[in-house]
Amino acid sequence: MLIGDVARRSGVSARMLRHYESLGLLRPTDRTGAGYREYSSDDIRRIFHIESLRSLGLSLRDVGRALDDPGFAPSDLVDDLIRQTRERIAAETELLTRLRRIGAAEPDGWEDVLQIVALLQALGSESAGKRQRAALSSADVDGVPVPTEALVEAALNETDTNVAGALRWALAQSGDGGLALLAEGLDSPVAEVRKRAVQCIAEMPSRKATALLQDALMNPDIVVRRCAAMALGARGVADAVPTLIDMVVEDANDVDAADALSALASRPALADQIAARLVESLGPGVVESSARRRLTQALAEIPGITASRALADLSHDEDRVVALTAAYILTMRDAR
């Protein structure tokens, strides 16, 4: 079979067949009287073997070794091809993500594209200082909208405290565009990612963020629940009260939790409810003495008759520290 026929039947161009021959990969079995290459069935079979190995990503040099070296072991080469393919897929995926983010920003021209690319590169820098500056500048890149998805990804993966704070601030400035992705972060299998997600949501002032924080009160992760409760307490959301009281009982950031309860109690409709819940938690045998002392201190800034009556009862408590604390608080309340 002549080279033209081989090219038509195999799908490999005559030029490529000649190239294979120049590399020693393929040698026609014979030549015609006129000097034309003539390929046998074995030659055709070798062509298909070459193309099959090339389809796996082997270089032509490795194809030659695979076909001609009896001692050539494929396992190491296949493992190497797997590694290279994974690296290539990761690089292509990263490129696709970057292109999608640039497209989402709807740049007007190449200057906008270059600014966005520069920001994305800075957010991924190994330098914490560069990442922080990128986050702080992202709120206004010469009028070019910053890809919110990039900010969320950076915030959920940031380990530096200062950079994380800057990223949370940037997300708060960007509106609600990142809330859906942050909500996904709350369900991450990684505890630190869940914590960062709720911290980001806590700094977003919108109603949608508040609703998401209320949902987070039911999250299986206690750290997420507590962070959500603190944020909701500052927003005046009564749903946070049970978790805040639990934080006081469990000595988990209890001072801030008590302050949040105090802020909520500034609303007359909530003051007696909060006081009643604190009193319920103070019941004999409900919690250990150290927790009862913290709950007594939490009553200090809760206005209303329910809190005052509870403190009067506690001033005669069998725990001397609780009794003295309650008596002192009552004296201060009377003075005010």
C-alpha atoms as a PDB file:
ATOM      1  CA  MET A   1       0.000   0.000   0.000  1.00  0.00           C
ATOM      2  CA  LEU A   2       1.415   3.371  -1.022  1.00  0.00           C
ATOM      3  CA  ILE A   3       1.718   6.337   1.325  1.00  0.00           C
ATOM      4  CA  GLY A   4      -1.320   8.145  -0.104  1.00  0.00           C
ATOM      5  CA  ASP A   5      -3.549   5.116   0.462  1.00  0.00           C
ATOM      6  CA  VAL A   6      -2.181   4.672   3.973  1.00  0.00           C
ATOM      7  CA  ALA A   7      -2.876   8.326   4.777  1.00  0.00           C
ATOM      8  CA  ARG A   8      -6.469   8.072   3.565  1.00  0.00           C
ATOM      9  CA  ARG A   9      -7.228   4.842   5.424  1.00  0.00           C
ATOM     10  CA  SER A  10      -5.415   5.620   8.675  1.00  0.00           C
ATOM     11  CA  GLY A  11      -6.257   9.305   8.997  1.00  0.00           C
ATOM     12  CA  VAL A  12      -2.563  10.096   9.505  1.00  0.00           C
ATOM     13  CA  SER A  13      -1.285  12.613   6.987  1.00  0.00           C
ATOM     14  CA  ALA A  14       1.475  11.698   4.545  1.00  0.00           C
ATOM     15  CA  ARG A  15       3.567  14.475   6.047  1.00  0.00           C
ATOM     16  CA  MET A  16       3.232  12.957   9.520  1.00  0.00           C
ATOM     17  CA  LEU A  17       4.078   9.478   8.175  1.00  0.00           C
ATOM     18  CA  ARG A  18       7.279  10.889   6.712  1.00  0.00           C
ATOM     19  CA  HIS A  19       8.007  12.569  10.052  1.00  0.00           C
ATOM     20  CA  TYR A  20       7.577   9.244  11.860  1.00  0.00           C
ATOM     21  CA  GLU A  21       9.995   7.709   9.386  1.00  0.00           C
ATOM     22  CA  SER A  22      12.571  10.474   9.939  1.00  0.00           C
ATOM     23  CA  LEU A  23      12.444   9.746  13.676  1.00  0.00           C
ATOM     24  CA  GLY A  24      12.840   6.014  13.145  1.00  0.00           C
ATOM     25  CA  LEU A  25       9.371   5.245  14.486  1.00  0.00           C
ATOM     26  CA  LEU A  26       8.083   3.795  11.251  1.00  0.00           C
ATOM     27  CA  ARG A  27       9.969   2.161   8.373  1.00  0.00           C
ATOM     28  CA  PRO A  28       8.066   1.101   5.261  1.00  0.00           C
ATOM     29  CA  THR A  29       8.662  -2.608   4.574  1.00  0.00           C
ATOM     30  CA  ASP A  30       9.439  -2.121   0.915  1.00  0.00           C
ATOM     31  CA  ARG A  31       9.650   0.285  -1.994  1.00  0.00           C
ATOM     32  CA  THR A  32       8.251   0.030  -5.458  1.00  0.00           C
ATOM     33  CA  GLY A  33      10.405  -0.121  -8.553  1.00  0.00           C
ATOM     34  CA  ALA A  34       9.858   3.620  -8.889  1.00  0.00           C
ATOM     35  CA  GLY A  35      11.115   4.170  -5.334  1.00  0.00           C
ATOM     36  CA  TYR A  36       7.773   4.882  -3.684  1.00  0.00           C
ATOM     37  CA  ARG A  37       7.228   3.757  -0.085  1.00  0.00           C
ATOM     38  CA  GLU A  38       5.176   0.604   0.231  1.00  0.00           C
ATOM     39  CA  TYR A  39       3.560  -0.294   3.577  1.00  0.00           C
ATOM     40  CA  SER A  40       2.666  -3.787   4.704  1.00  0.00           C
ATOM     41  CA  SER A  41      -0.174  -4.813   7.042  1.00  0.00           C
ATOM     42  CA  ASP A  42       2.361  -4.911   9.903  1.00  0.00           C
ATOM     43  CA  ASP A  43       3.354  -1.334   9.080  1.00  0.00           C
ATOM     44  CA  ILE A  44      -0.308  -0.264   9.202  1.00  0.00           C
ATOM     45  CA  ARG A  45      -0.703  -2.015  12.547  1.00  0.00           C
ATOM     46  CA  ARG A  46       2.343  -0.133  13.891  1.00  0.00           C
ATOM     47  CA  ILE A  47       0.851   3.169  12.728  1.00  0.00           C
ATOM     48  CA  PHE A  48      -2.284   2.486  14.755  1.00  0.00           C
ATOM     49  CA  HIS A  49      -0.131   1.509  17.762  1.00  0.00           C
ATOM     50  CA  ILE A  50       1.752   4.808  17.459  1.00  0.00           C
ATOM     51  CA  GLU A  51      -1.479   6.805  17.302  1.00  0.00           C
ATOM     52  CA  SER A  52      -2.985   4.912  20.238  1.00  0.00           C
ATOM     53  CA  LEU A  53       0.013   5.647  22.455  1.00  0.00           C
ATOM     54  CA  ARG A  54       0.074   9.288  21.363  1.00  0.00           C
ATOM     55  CA  SER A  55      -3.590   9.580  22.382  1.00  0.00           C
ATOM     56  CA  LEU A  56      -2.529   8.746  25.950  1.00  0.00           C
ATOM     57  CA  GLY A  57      -0.218  11.737  25.971  1.00  0.00           C
ATOM     58  CA  LEU A  58       3.088   9.955  25.329  1.00  0.00           C
ATOM     59  CA  SER A  59       5.789  11.866  23.552  1.00  0.00           C
ATOM     60  CA  LEU A  60       7.061  10.416  20.279  1.00  0.00           C
ATOM     61  CA  ARG A  61      10.297   9.496  22.057  1.00  0.00           C
ATOM     62  CA  ASP A  62       8.359   7.504  24.671  1.00  0.00           C
ATOM     63  CA  VAL A  63       6.234   5.929  21.935  1.00  0.00           C
ATOM     64  CA  GLY A  64       9.414   4.622  20.304  1.00  0.00           C
ATOM     65  CA  ARG A  65      10.670   3.211  23.591  1.00  0.00           C
ATOM     66  CA  ALA A  66       7.324   1.571  24.327  1.00  0.00           C
ATOM     67  CA  LEU A  67       7.247  -0.151  20.927  1.00  0.00           C
ATOM     68  CA  ASP A  68      10.896  -1.125  20.537  1.00  0.00           C
ATOM     69  CA  ASP A  69      12.428  -1.577  24.001  1.00  0.00           C
ATOM     70  CA  PRO A  70      11.555  -5.048  25.399  1.00  0.00           C
ATOM     71  CA  GLY A  71      12.546  -3.963  28.892  1.00  0.00           C
ATOM     72  CA  PHE A  72      10.407  -0.836  28.879  1.00  0.00           C
ATOM     73  CA  ALA A  73       7.929  -0.984  31.823  1.00  0.00           C
ATOM     74  CA  PRO A  74       4.732   0.996  31.274  1.00  0.00           C
ATOM     75  CA  SER A  75       3.750   1.393  34.938  1.00  0.00           C
ATOM     76  CA  ASP A  76       6.139   4.247  35.791  1.00  0.00           C
ATOM     77  CA  LEU A  77       5.319   6.080  32.586  1.00  0.00           C
ATOM     78  CA  VAL A  78       1.568   5.705  33.141  1.00  0.00           C
ATOM     79  CA  ASP A  79       1.930   7.023  36.704  1.00  0.00           C
ATOM     80  CA  ASP A  80       3.850   9.998  35.361  1.00  0.00           C
ATOM     81  CA  LEU A  81       1.171  10.613  32.723  1.00  0.00           C
ATOM     82  CA  ILE A  82      -1.501  10.542  35.440  1.00  0.00           C
ATOM     83  CA  ARG A  83       0.422  13.141  37.440  1.00  0.00           C
ATOM     84  CA  GLN A  84       0.934  15.368  34.395  1.00  0.00           C
ATOM     85  CA  THR A  85      -2.724  15.067  33.447  1.00  0.00           C
ATOM     86  CA  ARG A  86      -3.865  16.019  36.936  1.00  0.00           C
ATOM     87  CA  GLU A  87      -1.570  19.025  36.923  1.00  0.00           C
ATOM     88  CA  ARG A  88      -2.857  20.044  33.508  1.00  0.00           C
ATOM     89  CA  ILE A  89      -6.490  19.668  34.613  1.00  0.00           C
ATOM     90  CA  ALA A  90      -5.799  21.725  37.748  1.00  0.00           C
ATOM     91  CA  ALA A  91      -4.165  24.452  35.677  1.00  0.00           C
ATOM     92  CA  GLU A  92      -6.997  24.456  33.148  1.00  0.00           C
ATOM     93  CA  THR A  93      -9.583  24.548  35.925  1.00  0.00           C
ATOM     94  CA  GLU A  94      -7.825  27.495  37.521  1.00  0.00           C
ATOM     95  CA  LEU A  95      -7.749  29.266  34.170  1.00  0.00           C
ATOM     96  CA  LEU A  96     -11.449  28.556  33.605  1.00  0.00           C
ATOM     97  CA  THR A  97     -12.289  29.928  37.050  1.00  0.00           C
ATOM     98  CA  ARG A  98     -10.274  33.066  36.404  1.00  0.00           C
ATOM     99  CA  LEU A  99     -11.906  33.608  33.002  1.00  0.00           C
ATOM    100  CA  ARG A 100     -15.362  33.111  34.490  1.00  0.00           C
ATOM    101  CA  ARG A 101     -14.643  35.677  37.188  1.00  0.00           C
ATOM    102  CA  ILE A 102     -13.381  38.185  34.658  1.00  0.00           C
ATOM    103  CA  GLY A 103     -16.474  37.589  32.540  1.00  0.00           C
ATOM    104  CA  ALA A 104     -18.756  38.089  35.554  1.00  0.00           C
ATOM    105  CA  ALA A 105     -17.197  41.519  36.118  1.00  0.00           C
ATOM    106  CA  GLU A 106     -18.300  42.546  32.581  1.00  0.00           C
ATOM    107  CA  PRO A 107     -15.160  44.547  31.762  1.00  0.00           C
ATOM    108  CA  ASP A 108     -15.559  47.338  29.219  1.00  0.00           C
ATOM    109  CA  GLY A 109     -12.072  47.011  27.791  1.00  0.00           C
ATOM    110  CA  TRP A 110      -8.690  45.403  28.125  1.00  0.00           C
ATOM    111  CA  GLU A 111      -7.620  47.915  30.781  1.00  0.00           C
ATOM    112  CA  ASP A 112     -10.441  46.623  32.983  1.00  0.00           C
ATOM    113  CA  VAL A 113      -9.407  43.044  32.281  1.00  0.00           C
ATOM    114  CA  LEU A 114      -5.809  43.774  33.252  1.00  0.00           C
ATOM    115  CA  GLN A 115      -6.901  45.459  36.489  1.00  0.00           C
ATOM    116  CA  ILE A 116      -9.049  42.493  37.457  1.00  0.00           C
ATOM    117  CA  VAL A 117      -6.266  40.035  36.621  1.00  0.00           C
ATOM    118  CA  ALA A 118      -3.835  42.042  38.744  1.00  0.00           C
ATOM    119  CA  LEU A 119      -6.281  41.960  41.658  1.00  0.00           C
ATOM    120  CA  LEU A 120      -6.841  38.211  41.351  1.00  0.00           C
ATOM    121  CA  GLN A 121      -3.090  37.619  41.285  1.00  0.00           C
ATOM    122  CA  ALA A 122      -2.618  39.793  44.374  1.00  0.00           C
ATOM    123  CA  LEU A 123      -5.364  37.937  46.258  1.00  0.00           C
ATOM    124  CA  GLY A 124      -3.475  34.696  45.557  1.00  0.00           C
ATOM    125  CA  SER A 125      -0.067  36.087  46.490  1.00  0.00           C
ATOM    126  CA  GLU A 126       2.136  34.328  49.043  1.00  0.00           C
ATOM    127  CA  SER A 127       2.663  37.708  50.708  1.00  0.00           C
ATOM    128  CA  ALA A 128       0.091  38.472  53.399  1.00  0.00           C
ATOM    129  CA  GLY A 129       0.743  42.173  52.924  1.00  0.00           C
ATOM    130  CA  LYS A 130      -0.092  41.979  49.215  1.00  0.00           C
ATOM    131  CA  ARG A 131      -3.249  40.013  49.922  1.00  0.00           C
ATOM    132  CA  GLN A 132      -4.352  42.542  52.515  1.00  0.00           C
ATOM    133  CA  ARG A 133      -3.727  45.506  50.205  1.00  0.00           C
ATOM    134  CA  ALA A 134      -5.630  43.737  47.436  1.00  0.00           C
ATOM    135  CA  ALA A 135      -8.592  43.152  49.753  1.00  0.00           C
ATOM    136  CA  LEU A 136      -8.644  46.759  50.934  1.00  0.00           C
ATOM    137  CA  SER A 137      -8.401  48.108  47.392  1.00  0.00           C
ATOM    138  CA  SER A 138     -10.979  45.711  45.984  1.00  0.00           C
ATOM    139  CA  ALA A 139     -13.932  47.853  46.991  1.00  0.00           C
ATOM    140  CA  ASP A 140     -13.153  50.268  44.180  1.00  0.00           C
ATOM    141  CA  VAL A 141     -10.778  49.294  41.414  1.00  0.00           C
ATOM    142  CA  ASP A 142     -11.250  52.416  39.308  1.00  0.00           C
ATOM    143  CA  GLY A 143     -14.941  51.653  38.934  1.00  0.00           C
ATOM    144  CA  VAL A 144     -14.380  48.059  37.811  1.00  0.00           C
ATOM    145  CA  PRO A 145     -16.612  45.619  39.753  1.00  0.00           C
ATOM    146  CA  VAL A 146     -14.551  43.065  41.646  1.00  0.00           C
ATOM    147  CA  PRO A 147     -15.471  39.374  41.192  1.00  0.00           C
ATOM    148  CA  THR A 148     -17.305  38.548  44.434  1.00  0.00           C
ATOM    149  CA  GLU A 149     -16.606  34.842  43.964  1.00  0.00           C
ATOM    150  CA  ALA A 150     -12.881  35.553  44.194  1.00  0.00           C
ATOM    151  CA  LEU A 151     -13.329  37.510  47.429  1.00  0.00           C
ATOM    152  CA  VAL A 152     -15.408  34.709  48.973  1.00  0.00           C
ATOM    153  CA  GLU A 153     -12.881  32.037  48.016  1.00  0.00           C
ATOM    154  CA  ALA A 154     -10.047  34.133  49.418  1.00  0.00           C
ATOM    155  CA  ALA A 155     -11.958  34.835  52.642  1.00  0.00           C
ATOM    156  CA  LEU A 156     -12.861  31.194  53.228  1.00  0.00           C
ATOM    157  CA  ASN A 157      -9.249  30.087  52.823  1.00  0.00           C
ATOM    158  CA  GLU A 158      -7.388  32.964  54.498  1.00  0.00           C
ATOM    159  CA  THR A 159      -5.387  32.046  57.613  1.00  0.00           C
ATOM    160  CA  ASP A 160      -3.829  35.430  58.376  1.00  0.00           C
ATOM    161  CA  THR A 161      -5.971  37.355  60.875  1.00  0.00           C
ATOM    162  CA  ASN A 162      -5.343  40.802  59.398  1.00  0.00           C
ATOM    163  CA  VAL A 163      -5.948  39.700  55.824  1.00  0.00           C
ATOM    164  CA  ALA A 164      -9.100  37.839  56.863  1.00  0.00           C
ATOM    165  CA  GLY A 165     -10.450  41.009  58.465  1.00  0.00           C
ATOM    166  CA  ALA A 166      -9.754  43.005  55.321  1.00  0.00           C
ATOM    167  CA  LEU A 167     -11.496  40.390  53.177  1.00  0.00           C
ATOM    168  CA  ARG A 168     -14.571  40.388  55.437  1.00  0.00           C
ATOM    169  CA  TRP A 169     -14.703  44.153  55.139  1.00  0.00           C
ATOM    170  CA  ALA A 170     -14.412  43.953  51.350  1.00  0.00           C
ATOM    171  CA  LEU A 171     -17.244  41.426  51.175  1.00  0.00           C
ATOM    172  CA  ALA A 172     -19.428  43.632  53.354  1.00  0.00           C
ATOM    173  CA  GLN A 173     -18.864  46.475  50.884  1.00  0.00           C
ATOM    174  CA  SER A 174     -19.736  44.295  47.904  1.00  0.00           C
ATOM    175  CA  GLY A 175     -23.397  43.711  48.782  1.00  0.00           C
ATOM    176  CA  ASP A 176     -25.184  40.390  48.971  1.00  0.00           C
ATOM    177  CA  GLY A 177     -23.584  38.825  45.898  1.00  0.00           C
ATOM    178  CA  GLY A 178     -21.410  36.496  47.944  1.00  0.00           C
ATOM    179  CA  LEU A 179     -24.072  35.246  50.364  1.00  0.00           C
ATOM    180  CA  ALA A 180     -24.968  32.143  48.364  1.00  0.00           C
ATOM    181  CA  LEU A 181     -21.334  31.011  48.305  1.00  0.00           C
ATOM    182  CA  LEU A 182     -20.890  31.847  51.996  1.00  0.00           C
ATOM    183  CA  ALA A 183     -23.989  29.778  52.765  1.00  0.00           C
ATOM    184  CA  GLU A 184     -22.286  26.847  51.052  1.00  0.00           C
ATOM    185  CA  GLY A 185     -19.249  27.526  53.230  1.00  0.00           C
ATOM    186  CA  LEU A 186     -21.395  26.974  56.335  1.00  0.00           C
ATOM    187  CA  ASP A 187     -21.825  23.358  55.239  1.00  0.00           C
ATOM    188  CA  SER A 188     -18.148  22.788  54.450  1.00  0.00           C
ATOM    189  CA  PRO A 189     -16.594  19.616  55.887  1.00  0.00           C
ATOM    190  CA  VAL A 190     -13.721  21.799  57.132  1.00  0.00           C
ATOM    191  CA  ALA A 191     -14.399  23.431  60.519  1.00  0.00           C
ATOM    192  CA  GLU A 192     -12.195  26.470  59.860  1.00  0.00           C
ATOM    193  CA  VAL A 193     -14.007  27.189  56.589  1.00  0.00           C
ATOM    194  CA  ARG A 194     -17.379  27.054  58.384  1.00  0.00           C
ATOM    195  CA  LYS A 195     -16.071  29.474  60.998  1.00  0.00           C
ATOM    196  CA  ARG A 196     -14.764  31.908  58.387  1.00  0.00           C
ATOM    197  CA  ALA A 197     -18.032  31.729  56.477  1.00  0.00           C
ATOM    198  CA  VAL A 198     -20.172  32.714  59.460  1.00  0.00           C
ATOM    199  CA  GLN A 199     -17.700  35.455  60.418  1.00  0.00           C
ATOM    200  CA  CYS A 200     -18.037  36.924  56.928  1.00  0.00           C
ATOM    201  CA  ILE A 201     -21.833  36.785  57.045  1.00  0.00           C
ATOM    202  CA  ALA A 202     -21.799  38.397  60.488  1.00  0.00           C
ATOM    203  CA  GLU A 203     -20.217  41.541  59.024  1.00  0.00           C
ATOM    204  CA  MET A 204     -22.767  41.878  56.222  1.00  0.00           C
ATOM    205  CA  PRO A 205     -25.586  44.170  57.406  1.00  0.00           C
ATOM    206  CA  SER A 206     -28.372  43.186  55.018  1.00  0.00           C
ATOM    207  CA  ARG A 207     -31.657  41.457  55.838  1.00  0.00           C
ATOM    208  CA  LYS A 208     -30.599  38.488  53.752  1.00  0.00           C
ATOM    209  CA  ALA A 209     -27.471  38.120  55.868  1.00  0.00           C
ATOM    210  CA  THR A 210     -29.572  38.325  59.039  1.00  0.00           C
ATOM    211  CA  ALA A 211     -31.875  35.584  57.743  1.00  0.00           C
ATOM    212  CA  LEU A 212     -28.861  33.415  56.954  1.00  0.00           C
ATOM    213  CA  LEU A 213     -27.513  33.963  60.470  1.00  0.00           C
ATOM    214  CA  GLN A 214     -30.870  32.929  61.918  1.00  0.00           C
ATOM    215  CA  ASP A 215     -30.665  29.702  59.928  1.00  0.00           C
ATOM    216  CA  ALA A 216     -27.110  29.255  61.222  1.00  0.00           C
ATOM    217  CA  LEU A 217     -28.473  29.035  64.792  1.00  0.00           C
ATOM    218  CA  MET A 218     -29.481  25.481  63.852  1.00  0.00           C
ATOM    219  CA  ASN A 219     -26.105  24.581  62.355  1.00  0.00           C
ATOM    220  CA  PRO A 220     -24.562  21.369  63.749  1.00  0.00           C
ATOM    221  CA  ASP A 221     -21.299  23.247  64.381  1.00  0.00           C
ATOM    222  CA  ILE A 222     -21.434  24.904  67.796  1.00  0.00           C
ATOM    223  CA  VAL A 223     -18.842  27.493  66.755  1.00  0.00           C
ATOM    224  CA  VAL A 224     -21.084  28.576  63.877  1.00  0.00           C
ATOM    225  CA  ARG A 225     -24.125  28.769  66.192  1.00  0.00           C
ATOM    226  CA  ARG A 226     -22.283  30.889  68.741  1.00  0.00           C
ATOM    227  CA  CYS A 227     -20.854  33.303  66.178  1.00  0.00           C
ATOM    228  CA  ALA A 228     -24.295  33.667  64.584  1.00  0.00           C
ATOM    229  CA  ALA A 229     -25.873  34.327  67.985  1.00  0.00           C
ATOM    230  CA  MET A 230     -23.378  37.076  68.802  1.00  0.00           C
ATOM    231  CA  ALA A 231     -24.046  38.795  65.494  1.00  0.00           C
ATOM    232  CA  LEU A 232     -27.805  38.454  65.857  1.00  0.00           C
ATOM    233  CA  GLY A 233     -27.694  39.784  69.399  1.00  0.00           C
ATOM    234  CA  ALA A 234     -26.036  42.940  68.101  1.00  0.00           C
ATOM    235  CA  ARG A 235     -28.829  43.212  65.526  1.00  0.00           C
ATOM    236  CA  GLY A 236     -31.556  42.904  68.144  1.00  0.00           C
ATOM    237  CA  VAL A 237     -32.800  39.481  67.030  1.00  0.00           C
ATOM    238  CA  ALA A 238     -34.431  37.633  69.929  1.00  0.00           C
ATOM    239  CA  ASP A 239     -33.810  34.206  68.368  1.00  0.00           C
ATOM    240  CA  ALA A 240     -30.228  34.485  69.626  1.00  0.00           C
ATOM    241  CA  VAL A 241     -31.175  34.520  73.325  1.00  0.00           C
ATOM    242  CA  PRO A 242     -31.066  30.745  74.057  1.00  0.00           C
ATOM    243  CA  THR A 243     -27.647  30.329  72.461  1.00  0.00           C
ATOM    244  CA  LEU A 244     -26.292  33.416  74.230  1.00  0.00           C
ATOM    245  CA  ILE A 245     -27.441  32.081  77.592  1.00  0.00           C
ATOM    246  CA  ASP A 246     -25.847  28.723  76.822  1.00  0.00           C
ATOM    247  CA  MET A 247     -22.607  30.574  76.111  1.00  0.00           C
ATOM    248  CA  VAL A 248     -22.764  32.181  79.561  1.00  0.00           C
ATOM    249  CA  VAL A 249     -23.444  28.806  81.175  1.00  0.00           C
ATOM    250  CA  GLU A 250     -20.659  27.077  79.281  1.00  0.00           C
ATOM    251  CA  ASP A 251     -18.104  29.862  79.837  1.00  0.00           C
ATOM    252  CA  ALA A 252     -17.758  30.357  76.082  1.00  0.00           C
ATOM    253  CA  ASN A 253     -16.982  34.031  75.488  1.00  0.00           C
ATOM    254  CA  ASP A 254     -19.452  34.608  78.334  1.00  0.00           C
ATOM    255  CA  VAL A 255     -18.698  38.306  78.877  1.00  0.00           C
ATOM    256  CA  ASP A 256     -19.483  39.232  75.290  1.00  0.00           C
ATOM    257  CA  ALA A 257     -22.534  36.976  75.353  1.00  0.00           C
ATOM    258  CA  ALA A 258     -23.778  38.743  78.493  1.00  0.00           C
ATOM    259  CA  ASP A 259     -23.215  42.114  76.798  1.00  0.00           C
ATOM    260  CA  ALA A 260     -25.272  40.908  73.826  1.00  0.00           C
ATOM    261  CA  LEU A 261     -28.061  39.851  76.182  1.00  0.00           C
ATOM    262  CA  SER A 262     -27.922  43.276  77.815  1.00  0.00           C
ATOM    263  CA  ALA A 263     -28.238  44.971  74.430  1.00  0.00           C
ATOM    264  CA  LEU A 264     -31.255  42.834  73.590  1.00  0.00           C
ATOM    265  CA  ALA A 265     -32.791  43.566  76.999  1.00  0.00           C
ATOM    266  CA  SER A 266     -32.836  47.275  76.177  1.00  0.00           C
ATOM    267  CA  ARG A 267     -36.069  46.422  74.395  1.00  0.00           C
ATOM    268  CA  PRO A 268     -38.724  46.325  77.165  1.00  0.00           C
ATOM    269  CA  ALA A 269     -40.596  43.482  75.507  1.00  0.00           C
ATOM    270  CA  LEU A 270     -37.494  41.288  75.710  1.00  0.00           C
ATOM    271  CA  ALA A 271     -36.075  42.270  79.098  1.00  0.00           C
ATOM    272  CA  ASP A 272     -38.423  40.120  81.202  1.00  0.00           C
ATOM    273  CA  GLN A 273     -38.168  37.206  78.742  1.00  0.00           C
ATOM    274  CA  ILE A 274     -34.384  37.222  78.981  1.00  0.00           C
ATOM    275  CA  ALA A 275     -34.488  37.547  82.767  1.00  0.00           C
ATOM    276  CA  ALA A 276     -36.941  34.639  82.999  1.00  0.00           C
ATOM    277  CA  ARG A 277     -34.663  32.436  80.878  1.00  0.00           C
ATOM    278  CA  LEU A 278     -31.651  33.335  83.015  1.00  0.00           C
ATOM    279  CA  VAL A 279     -33.611  32.514  86.179  1.00  0.00           C
ATOM    280  CA  GLU A 280     -34.697  29.211  84.664  1.00  0.00           C
ATOM    281  CA  SER A 281     -31.066  28.357  83.994  1.00  0.00           C
ATOM    282  CA  LEU A 282     -30.221  29.265  87.599  1.00  0.00           C
ATOM    283  CA  GLY A 283     -32.537  26.634  89.036  1.00  0.00           C
ATOM    284  CA  PRO A 284     -31.106  24.411  91.795  1.00  0.00           C
ATOM    285  CA  GLY A 285     -29.126  21.525  90.389  1.00  0.00           C
ATOM    286  CA  VAL A 286     -29.377  22.843  86.824  1.00  0.00           C
ATOM    287  CA  VAL A 287     -25.795  24.086  86.492  1.00  0.00           C
ATOM    288  CA  GLU A 288     -22.612  24.028  88.539  1.00  0.00           C
ATOM    289  CA  SER A 289     -21.746  26.842  90.918  1.00  0.00           C
ATOM    290  CA  SER A 290     -19.319  28.631  88.577  1.00  0.00           C
ATOM    291  CA  ALA A 291     -22.014  28.799  85.900  1.00  0.00           C
ATOM    292  CA  ARG A 292     -24.542  30.132  88.447  1.00  0.00           C
ATOM    293  CA  ARG A 293     -22.092  32.927  89.277  1.00  0.00           C
ATOM    294  CA  ARG A 294     -21.783  33.864  85.614  1.00  0.00           C
ATOM    295  CA  LEU A 295     -25.560  33.811  85.171  1.00  0.00           C
ATOM    296  CA  THR A 296     -25.948  36.039  88.231  1.00  0.00           C
ATOM    297  CA  GLN A 297     -23.489  38.510  86.751  1.00  0.00           C
ATOM    298  CA  ALA A 298     -25.395  38.403  83.477  1.00  0.00           C
ATOM    299  CA  LEU A 299     -28.539  39.526  85.323  1.00  0.00           C
ATOM    300  CA  ALA A 300     -26.757  42.719  86.345  1.00  0.00           C
ATOM    301  CA  GLU A 301     -27.525  44.586  83.129  1.00  0.00           C
ATOM    302  CA  ILE A 302     -30.999  43.152  82.550  1.00  0.00           C
ATOM    303  CA  PRO A 303     -33.593  45.786  83.509  1.00  0.00           C
ATOM    304  CA  GLY A 304     -37.040  45.070  84.873  1.00  0.00           C
ATOM    305  CA  ILE A 305     -38.775  43.617  87.864  1.00  0.00           C
ATOM    306  CA  THR A 306     -38.155  39.985  86.926  1.00  0.00           C
ATOM    307  CA  ALA A 307     -34.386  40.482  87.059  1.00  0.00           C
ATOM    308  CA  SER A 308     -34.629  42.469  90.314  1.00  0.00           C
ATOM    309  CA  ARG A 309     -36.708  39.786  92.022  1.00  0.00           C
ATOM    310  CA  ALA A 310     -34.313  37.090  90.853  1.00  0.00           C
ATOM    311  CA  LEU A 311     -31.364  39.026  92.246  1.00  0.00           C
ATOM    312  CA  ALA A 312     -33.158  39.532  95.556  1.00  0.00           C
ATOM    313  CA  ASP A 313     -33.660  35.773  95.849  1.00  0.00           C
ATOM    314  CA  LEU A 314     -30.066  35.114  94.838  1.00  0.00           C
ATOM    315  CA  SER A 315     -28.792  37.496  97.555  1.00  0.00           C
ATOM    316  CA  HIS A 316     -29.754  34.721 100.000  1.00  0.00           C
ATOM    317  CA  ASP A 317     -28.249  31.923  97.922  1.00  0.00           C
ATOM    318  CA  GLU A 318     -26.368  29.163  99.708  1.00  0.00           C
ATOM    319  CA  ASP A 319     -23.399  29.863  97.442  1.00  0.00           C
ATOM    320  CA  ARG A 320     -21.769  32.771  99.234  1.00  0.00           C
ATOM    321  CA  VAL A 321     -20.155  34.147  96.054  1.00  0.00           C
ATOM    322  CA  VAL A 322     -23.507  34.116  94.262  1.00  0.00           C
ATOM    323  CA  ALA A 323     -25.221  35.750  97.225  1.00  0.00           C
ATOM    324  CA  LEU A 324     -22.623  38.515  97.572  1.00  0.00           C
ATOM    325  CA  THR A 325     -22.619  39.147  93.816  1.00  0.00           C
ATOM    326  CA  ALA A 326     -26.427  39.443  93.738  1.00  0.00           C
ATOM    327  CA  ALA A 327     -26.479  41.730  96.776  1.00  0.00           C
ATOM    328  CA  TYR A 328     -23.841  44.008  95.248  1.00  0.00           C
ATOM    329  CA  ILE A 329     -25.720  44.175  91.936  1.00  0.00           C
ATOM    330  CA  LEU A 330     -28.947  45.079  93.771  1.00  0.00           C
ATOM    331  CA  THR A 331     -27.141  47.852  95.628  1.00  0.00           C
ATOM    332  CA  MET A 332     -25.836  49.272  92.356  1.00  0.00           C
ATOM    333  CA  ARG A 333     -29.281  49.038  90.742  1.00  0.00           C
ATOM    334  CA  ASP A 334     -30.847  50.878  93.672  1.00  0.00           C
ATOM    335  CA  ALA A 335     -28.168  53.557  93.409  1.00  0.00           C
ATOM    336  CA  ARG A 336     -29.032  54.104  89.752  1.00  0.00           C
END
